[in-house]
Protein backbone atom coordinates (compact mmCIF):
# COMPACT_ATOMS: atom_id res chain seq x y z
CA UNK A 1 -22.09 -11.91 -27.47
CA UNK A 2 -20.86 -8.39 -26.64
CA UNK A 3 -17.14 -7.76 -27.22
CA UNK A 4 -16.00 -6.44 -23.85
CA UNK A 5 -13.13 -4.35 -25.23
CA UNK A 6 -15.22 -2.62 -27.87
CA UNK A 7 -17.99 -2.08 -25.35
CA UNK A 8 -15.59 -0.54 -22.82
CA UNK A 9 -14.04 1.86 -25.32
CA UNK A 10 -17.39 3.06 -26.65
CA UNK A 11 -18.98 3.36 -23.22
CA UNK A 12 -19.58 7.03 -22.26
CA UNK A 13 -17.66 7.64 -19.07
CA UNK A 14 -16.27 10.25 -16.70
CA UNK A 15 -12.70 10.11 -15.47
CA UNK A 16 -12.31 11.44 -11.93
CA UNK A 17 -8.83 10.27 -10.95
CA UNK A 18 -6.33 11.48 -13.50
CA UNK A 19 -3.09 13.32 -12.76
CA UNK A 20 -2.21 15.56 -15.68
CA UNK A 21 1.46 15.31 -14.82
CA UNK A 22 1.04 11.54 -15.00
CA UNK A 23 0.06 11.72 -18.67
CA UNK A 24 3.54 12.84 -19.78
CA UNK A 25 4.38 10.31 -22.46
CA UNK A 26 8.08 9.85 -23.33
CA UNK A 27 7.67 11.30 -26.82
CA UNK A 28 6.24 14.55 -25.44
CA UNK A 29 8.89 14.57 -22.71
CA UNK A 30 11.60 14.64 -25.38
CA UNK A 31 9.73 17.31 -27.34
CA UNK A 32 9.39 19.60 -24.33
CA UNK A 33 12.99 18.99 -23.25
CA UNK A 34 14.21 20.09 -26.69
CA UNK A 35 11.92 23.13 -26.65
CA UNK A 36 13.25 24.24 -23.26
CA UNK A 37 16.90 23.33 -23.76
CA UNK A 38 16.89 20.57 -21.13
CA UNK A 39 19.22 17.62 -21.51
CA UNK A 40 17.75 14.31 -20.41
CA UNK A 41 19.70 11.36 -19.08
CA UNK A 42 17.66 9.06 -21.29
CA UNK A 43 18.13 9.26 -25.07
CA UNK A 44 15.34 7.00 -26.33
CA UNK A 45 11.74 6.18 -25.51
CA UNK A 46 12.82 2.68 -24.48
CA UNK A 47 15.38 4.13 -22.08
CA UNK A 48 12.69 6.30 -20.49
CA UNK A 49 10.33 3.35 -20.12
CA UNK A 50 13.12 1.26 -18.61
CA UNK A 51 13.04 3.61 -15.62
CA UNK A 52 9.40 2.66 -14.94
CA UNK A 53 10.35 -0.06 -12.49
CA UNK A 54 7.93 0.61 -9.65
CA UNK A 55 7.46 -1.60 -6.62
CA UNK A 56 5.57 0.86 -4.41
CA UNK A 57 4.33 4.44 -4.26
CA UNK A 58 7.72 5.78 -3.14
CA UNK A 59 9.64 4.24 -6.05
CA UNK A 60 7.04 5.61 -8.46
CA UNK A 61 7.29 9.15 -7.09
CA UNK A 62 11.10 9.02 -7.37
CA UNK A 63 10.68 8.79 -11.16
CA UNK A 64 7.50 10.86 -11.44
CA UNK A 65 8.63 14.20 -9.99
CA UNK A 66 12.02 14.56 -11.75
CA UNK A 67 10.32 14.05 -15.13
CA UNK A 68 8.27 17.21 -14.61
CA UNK A 69 11.25 19.53 -15.06
CA UNK A 70 10.54 19.62 -18.81
CA UNK A 71 7.32 21.53 -18.00
CA UNK A 72 8.18 25.23 -17.92
CA UNK A 73 5.84 27.45 -19.91
CA UNK A 74 2.08 27.83 -20.22
CA UNK A 75 2.43 26.31 -23.70
CA UNK A 76 4.06 23.22 -22.19
CA UNK A 77 1.19 22.72 -19.74
CA UNK A 78 -1.34 23.27 -22.51
CA UNK A 79 0.36 20.71 -24.73
CA UNK A 80 0.47 18.13 -21.93
CA UNK A 81 -3.24 18.48 -21.13
CA UNK A 82 -4.25 18.64 -24.77
CA UNK A 83 -2.41 15.40 -25.56
CA UNK A 84 -4.24 13.68 -22.70
CA UNK A 85 -7.65 15.09 -23.66
CA UNK A 86 -7.34 13.81 -27.22
CA UNK A 87 -6.47 10.38 -25.85
CA UNK A 88 -9.38 10.56 -23.40
CA UNK A 89 -11.77 11.24 -26.27
CA UNK A 90 -10.57 8.04 -27.97
CA UNK A 91 -11.24 6.14 -24.74
CA UNK A 92 -14.89 7.20 -24.46
CA UNK A 93 -14.40 9.96 -21.89
CA UNK A 94 -17.04 12.69 -22.17
CA UNK A 95 -16.29 14.41 -18.86
CA UNK A 96 -13.07 14.59 -16.87
CA UNK A 97 -12.07 16.21 -13.60
CA UNK A 98 -8.29 16.47 -13.85
CA UNK A 99 -5.83 16.69 -10.97
CA UNK A 100 -2.87 19.03 -11.21
CA UNK A 101 0.01 19.57 -8.79
CA UNK A 102 1.06 23.24 -8.81
CA UNK A 103 3.57 22.77 -5.99
CA UNK A 104 5.52 20.30 -8.12
CA UNK A 105 6.19 23.29 -10.38
CA UNK A 106 6.20 26.36 -8.15
CA UNK A 107 8.70 24.59 -5.85
CA UNK A 108 11.17 24.63 -8.75
CA UNK A 109 10.48 28.21 -9.79
CA UNK A 110 7.71 27.86 -12.36
CA UNK A 111 5.05 30.55 -11.88
CA UNK A 112 1.60 29.32 -10.78
CA UNK A 113 0.15 31.39 -13.62
CA UNK A 114 2.01 29.31 -16.23
CA UNK A 115 0.51 26.11 -14.84
CA UNK A 116 -3.10 27.20 -14.49
CA UNK A 117 -3.40 29.20 -17.72
CA UNK A 118 -1.91 26.41 -19.82
CA UNK A 119 -4.19 23.77 -18.37
CA UNK A 120 -7.23 26.02 -18.54
CA UNK A 121 -6.71 26.74 -22.25
CA UNK A 122 -6.55 23.01 -23.01
CA UNK A 123 -9.73 22.40 -20.99
CA UNK A 124 -11.63 25.06 -22.92
CA UNK A 125 -10.26 23.77 -26.21
CA UNK A 126 -11.44 20.24 -25.37
CA UNK A 127 -15.01 21.44 -24.98
CA UNK A 128 -14.98 23.31 -28.28
CA UNK A 129 -12.99 20.90 -30.45
CA UNK A 130 -13.60 17.47 -28.89
CA UNK A 131 -16.94 17.81 -27.12
CA UNK A 132 -15.22 16.69 -23.91
CA UNK A 133 -16.15 18.51 -20.71
CA UNK A 134 -12.97 19.14 -18.67
CA UNK A 135 -12.50 20.62 -15.21
CA UNK A 136 -9.48 21.10 -12.91
CA UNK A 137 -8.84 19.94 -9.34
CA UNK A 138 -5.88 21.50 -7.55
CA UNK A 139 -3.99 18.95 -5.45
CA UNK A 140 -1.68 19.76 -2.56
CA UNK A 141 1.44 17.65 -2.10
CA UNK A 142 1.19 16.07 1.32
CA UNK A 143 4.95 15.70 1.76
CA UNK A 144 5.25 19.50 1.81
CA UNK A 145 4.10 21.55 4.80
CA UNK A 146 0.53 22.54 5.56
CA UNK A 147 1.72 26.16 5.46
CA UNK A 148 2.89 25.73 1.87
CA UNK A 149 -0.46 24.16 1.00
CA UNK A 150 -2.28 27.13 2.50
CA UNK A 151 -0.08 29.55 0.58
CA UNK A 152 -0.85 27.63 -2.62
CA UNK A 153 -4.55 27.84 -1.89
CA UNK A 154 -4.25 31.61 -1.46
CA UNK A 155 -2.36 31.85 -4.76
CA UNK A 156 -5.16 29.93 -6.45
CA UNK A 157 -8.00 32.16 -5.28
CA UNK A 158 -7.76 34.64 -8.18
CA UNK A 159 -8.38 31.65 -10.47
CA UNK A 160 -11.22 30.22 -8.38
CA UNK A 161 -13.64 30.15 -11.30
CA UNK A 162 -11.27 27.81 -13.15
CA UNK A 163 -10.83 25.29 -10.32
CA UNK A 164 -13.63 22.90 -9.37
CA UNK A 165 -12.16 21.54 -6.16
CA UNK A 166 -9.04 20.66 -4.21
CA UNK A 167 -7.37 17.34 -3.47
CA UNK A 168 -4.42 15.84 -1.62
CA UNK A 169 -1.86 13.47 -3.12
CA UNK A 170 1.80 12.32 -3.00
CA UNK A 171 3.49 10.32 -0.22
CA UNK A 172 1.01 9.41 2.51
CA UNK A 173 3.61 8.08 4.97
CA UNK A 174 3.67 10.33 8.05
CA UNK A 175 1.42 12.78 6.19
CA UNK A 176 -2.12 11.97 7.35
CA UNK A 177 -5.15 13.92 6.10
CA UNK A 178 -5.52 15.70 9.43
CA UNK A 179 -2.20 17.48 8.78
CA UNK A 180 -4.15 19.54 6.22
CA UNK A 181 -7.45 19.94 8.09
CA UNK A 182 -7.19 23.74 8.30
CA UNK A 183 -6.29 24.04 4.62
CA UNK A 184 -9.29 21.99 3.57
CA UNK A 185 -11.58 23.86 5.94
CA UNK A 186 -10.50 27.13 4.31
CA UNK A 187 -10.92 25.63 0.84
CA UNK A 188 -14.43 24.50 1.71
CA UNK A 189 -15.24 27.98 3.03
CA UNK A 190 -14.05 29.37 -0.31
CA UNK A 191 -16.53 27.15 -2.12
CA UNK A 192 -14.24 24.39 -3.36
CA UNK A 193 -15.35 20.76 -3.36
CA UNK A 194 -13.04 18.36 -1.51
CA UNK A 195 -11.36 15.08 -2.31
CA UNK A 196 -8.32 13.34 -0.82
CA UNK A 197 -6.12 10.41 -1.74
CA UNK A 198 -6.31 7.53 0.71
CA UNK A 199 -3.75 5.34 -0.97
CA UNK A 200 -3.96 1.57 -0.86
CA UNK A 201 -2.30 -0.49 1.87
CA UNK A 202 -0.59 2.41 3.62
CA UNK A 203 0.21 2.37 7.32
CA UNK A 204 -2.97 3.59 9.03
CA UNK A 205 -5.06 3.44 5.83
CA UNK A 206 -8.35 2.75 7.58
CA UNK A 207 -7.74 5.51 10.15
CA UNK A 208 -7.01 7.97 7.37
CA UNK A 209 -10.19 6.98 5.53
CA UNK A 210 -12.17 7.43 8.73
CA UNK A 211 -10.62 10.88 9.22
CA UNK A 212 -11.41 12.13 5.72
CA UNK A 213 -15.04 11.03 6.07
CA UNK A 214 -15.79 11.94 9.67
CA UNK A 215 -13.42 14.86 10.36
CA UNK A 216 -12.49 16.50 7.04
CA UNK A 217 -15.87 15.87 5.43
CA UNK A 218 -14.70 15.17 1.89
CA UNK A 219 -17.05 14.94 -1.07
CA UNK A 220 -15.11 12.06 -2.64
CA UNK A 221 -12.19 9.70 -1.88
CA UNK A 222 -9.39 8.79 -4.28
CA UNK A 223 -8.36 5.12 -4.17
CA UNK A 224 -9.70 4.26 -0.69
CA UNK A 225 -10.41 0.57 -1.24
CA UNK A 226 -9.04 -0.28 2.20
CA UNK A 227 -12.43 0.89 3.46
CA UNK A 228 -13.60 -2.73 3.05
CA UNK A 229 -11.73 -3.45 6.30
CA UNK A 230 -14.48 -1.61 8.22
CA UNK A 231 -18.07 -2.54 7.25
CA UNK A 232 -19.46 0.34 9.34
CA UNK A 233 -17.41 2.83 7.32
CA UNK A 234 -18.56 1.19 4.08
CA UNK A 235 -22.16 1.65 5.22
CA UNK A 236 -21.48 5.30 6.08
CA UNK A 237 -19.83 5.96 2.71
CA UNK A 238 -22.79 4.39 0.95
CA UNK A 239 -25.23 6.43 3.01
CA UNK A 240 -23.41 9.64 2.10
CA UNK A 241 -23.09 8.70 -1.57
CA UNK A 242 -19.32 9.07 -1.50
CA UNK A 243 -17.47 8.14 -4.67
CA UNK A 244 -14.29 6.04 -4.70
CA UNK A 245 -12.04 6.74 -7.66
CA UNK A 246 -10.23 3.44 -8.02
CA UNK A 247 -7.38 2.74 -10.45
CA UNK A 248 -6.94 -1.01 -11.08
CA UNK A 249 -3.86 -1.00 -13.31
CA UNK A 250 -1.85 1.45 -11.21
CA UNK A 251 -2.76 -0.62 -8.14
CA UNK A 252 -1.07 -3.61 -9.74
CA UNK A 253 2.18 -1.64 -10.07
CA UNK A 254 2.45 -0.35 -6.51
CA UNK A 255 1.04 -3.45 -4.76
CA UNK A 256 0.94 -7.13 -5.61
CA UNK A 257 -2.48 -6.95 -7.31
CA UNK A 258 -5.08 -4.58 -8.73
CA UNK A 259 -7.46 -4.78 -5.75
CA UNK A 260 -10.13 -6.29 -7.97
CA UNK A 261 -11.77 -8.13 -5.08
CA UNK A 262 -12.16 -4.91 -3.10
CA UNK A 263 -13.43 -2.95 -6.10
CA UNK A 264 -15.99 -5.61 -7.00
CA UNK A 265 -17.07 -5.95 -3.37
CA UNK A 266 -17.79 -2.23 -3.18
CA UNK A 267 -19.57 -2.37 -6.53
CA UNK A 268 -21.81 -5.23 -5.39
CA UNK A 269 -22.63 -3.39 -2.15
CA UNK A 270 -23.89 -0.40 -4.09
CA UNK A 271 -21.04 1.95 -3.20
CA UNK A 272 -20.19 4.55 -5.85
CA UNK A 273 -16.95 3.00 -6.98
CA UNK A 274 -15.64 3.71 -10.47
CA UNK A 275 -12.59 3.05 -12.65
CA UNK A 276 -9.90 5.55 -13.67
CA UNK A 277 -6.36 5.60 -15.04
CA UNK A 278 -4.37 7.59 -12.43
CA UNK A 279 -1.00 8.17 -14.20
CA UNK A 280 -1.53 6.39 -17.52
CA UNK A 281 1.74 7.36 -19.20
CA UNK A 282 3.62 5.54 -16.44
CA UNK A 283 1.31 2.58 -15.94
CA UNK A 284 0.58 1.91 -19.61
CA UNK A 285 -3.21 2.00 -19.51
CA UNK A 286 -5.71 4.80 -20.08
CA UNK A 287 -9.21 4.61 -18.68
CA UNK A 288 -10.96 2.26 -21.13
CA UNK A 289 -7.97 -0.07 -20.86
CA UNK A 290 -8.46 -0.05 -17.07
CA UNK A 291 -12.09 -1.07 -17.59
CA UNK A 292 -10.98 -3.95 -19.80
CA UNK A 293 -8.22 -5.05 -17.40
CA UNK A 294 -10.63 -5.15 -14.47
CA UNK A 295 -13.30 -6.93 -16.49
CA UNK A 296 -10.88 -9.60 -17.65
CA UNK A 297 -9.37 -10.10 -14.19
CA UNK A 298 -12.63 -10.15 -12.24
CA UNK A 299 -14.94 -11.67 -14.82
CA UNK A 300 -17.12 -8.59 -15.12
CA UNK A 301 -19.69 -8.27 -17.89
CA UNK A 302 -20.99 -5.31 -19.90
CA UNK A 303 -23.71 -4.53 -17.33
CA UNK A 304 -21.03 -4.22 -14.62
CA UNK A 305 -18.97 -1.86 -16.77
CA UNK A 306 -22.04 0.23 -17.50
CA UNK A 307 -22.72 0.47 -13.75
CA UNK A 308 -19.13 1.61 -13.17
CA UNK A 309 -19.65 4.29 -15.83
CA UNK A 310 -22.92 5.41 -14.23
CA UNK A 311 -21.11 5.60 -10.90
CA UNK A 312 -18.46 7.80 -12.51
CA UNK A 313 -21.10 10.36 -13.40
CA UNK A 314 -23.03 10.04 -10.15
CA UNK A 315 -19.81 10.68 -8.19
CA UNK A 316 -18.78 13.57 -10.44
CA UNK A 317 -19.12 17.23 -9.57
CA UNK A 318 -21.38 17.99 -12.51
CA UNK A 319 -24.64 19.85 -12.05
CA UNK A 320 -27.60 17.51 -11.44
CA UNK A 321 -29.08 18.10 -14.89
CA UNK A 322 -25.84 17.35 -16.72
CA UNK A 323 -25.19 14.34 -14.50
CA UNK A 324 -28.60 12.88 -15.26
CA UNK A 325 -28.12 13.44 -19.00
CA UNK A 326 -24.82 11.57 -18.98
CA UNK A 327 -26.31 8.70 -16.94
CA UNK A 328 -29.12 8.47 -19.50
CA UNK A 329 -26.52 8.28 -22.28
CA UNK A 330 -24.88 5.28 -20.57
CA UNK A 331 -28.21 3.49 -20.29
CA UNK A 332 -28.96 4.23 -23.94
CA UNK A 333 -25.55 2.94 -25.01
CA UNK A 334 -26.01 -0.23 -22.97
CA UNK A 335 -29.52 -0.78 -24.32
CA UNK A 336 -28.25 -0.42 -27.89
CA UNK A 337 -25.92 -3.33 -27.11
CA UNK A 338 -28.68 -5.42 -25.57
CA UNK A 339 -27.40 -4.78 -22.05
CA UNK A 340 -29.76 -4.04 -19.15
CA UNK A 341 -28.33 -2.02 -16.27
CA UNK A 342 -30.08 -2.20 -12.92
CA UNK A 343 -30.94 0.85 -10.83
């Protein structure tokens, strides 16, 4: 019988929903605070973790953003991404498309250049030293203005070759996707791929999902499991091959459960749903641990996990040849464990 935990950790996978700022472990937080002469209210790792008392998205963000003040220099951003990428390697990640939030830093006076150059250096280092392919997705903070998002997009253009696509995250309340329609249209015209958070169980979730598919024309949706409320939209998403970057463990922190039923329903219907870790330093589970948590909760077997991994590559923004090679590696891994994965 296949050990589900060992299988999940060894399974080659892509991670498509990972916030770099959400990988700031307490130990590194203290290290960066000392480096930059910042005094923290918390004095121990346990004291930091005691603040991780989240009941919804808003309570999470209230802890999440203040923690970022320890990030100041390009070296800090490099060290943050590098720590994550080493962890990702241990979790079976071979390709990752990482979110970063420049406005969370530029809004407090940190130069955009510090953010992008630090992250880029870590991404290049991962390829050379770890054999992990790493790309960057610039996310706009939806609780700032559309004008600020557009200005951030303009600031990013000199670094276009380093940025795979753009996304939209932060507090969805009163900040629907259509608020940023012009920004995303310009980003698309500049050649960026598009994704947007459609967070779970928000007011107007299904309307926002409909807007990002039918009006914005995204290439992928982050979270988005509320789509099961509208079978016609599910059919449209399947027809278009849209990926849904679900995050089971983080779901269980900001709602009453991990949305396993919705994730499995989409999986069974042939939608490109996959598993990711979101903000693993805060939710206590990196990507392979999310696979295990979902498997244990929903009774999934190795073939299901292999399909989720295949979906992660098929929904990625890799070139077709690289995508196919990674999918083949999943099938080979599964076959070596006596697991047959359907088409």
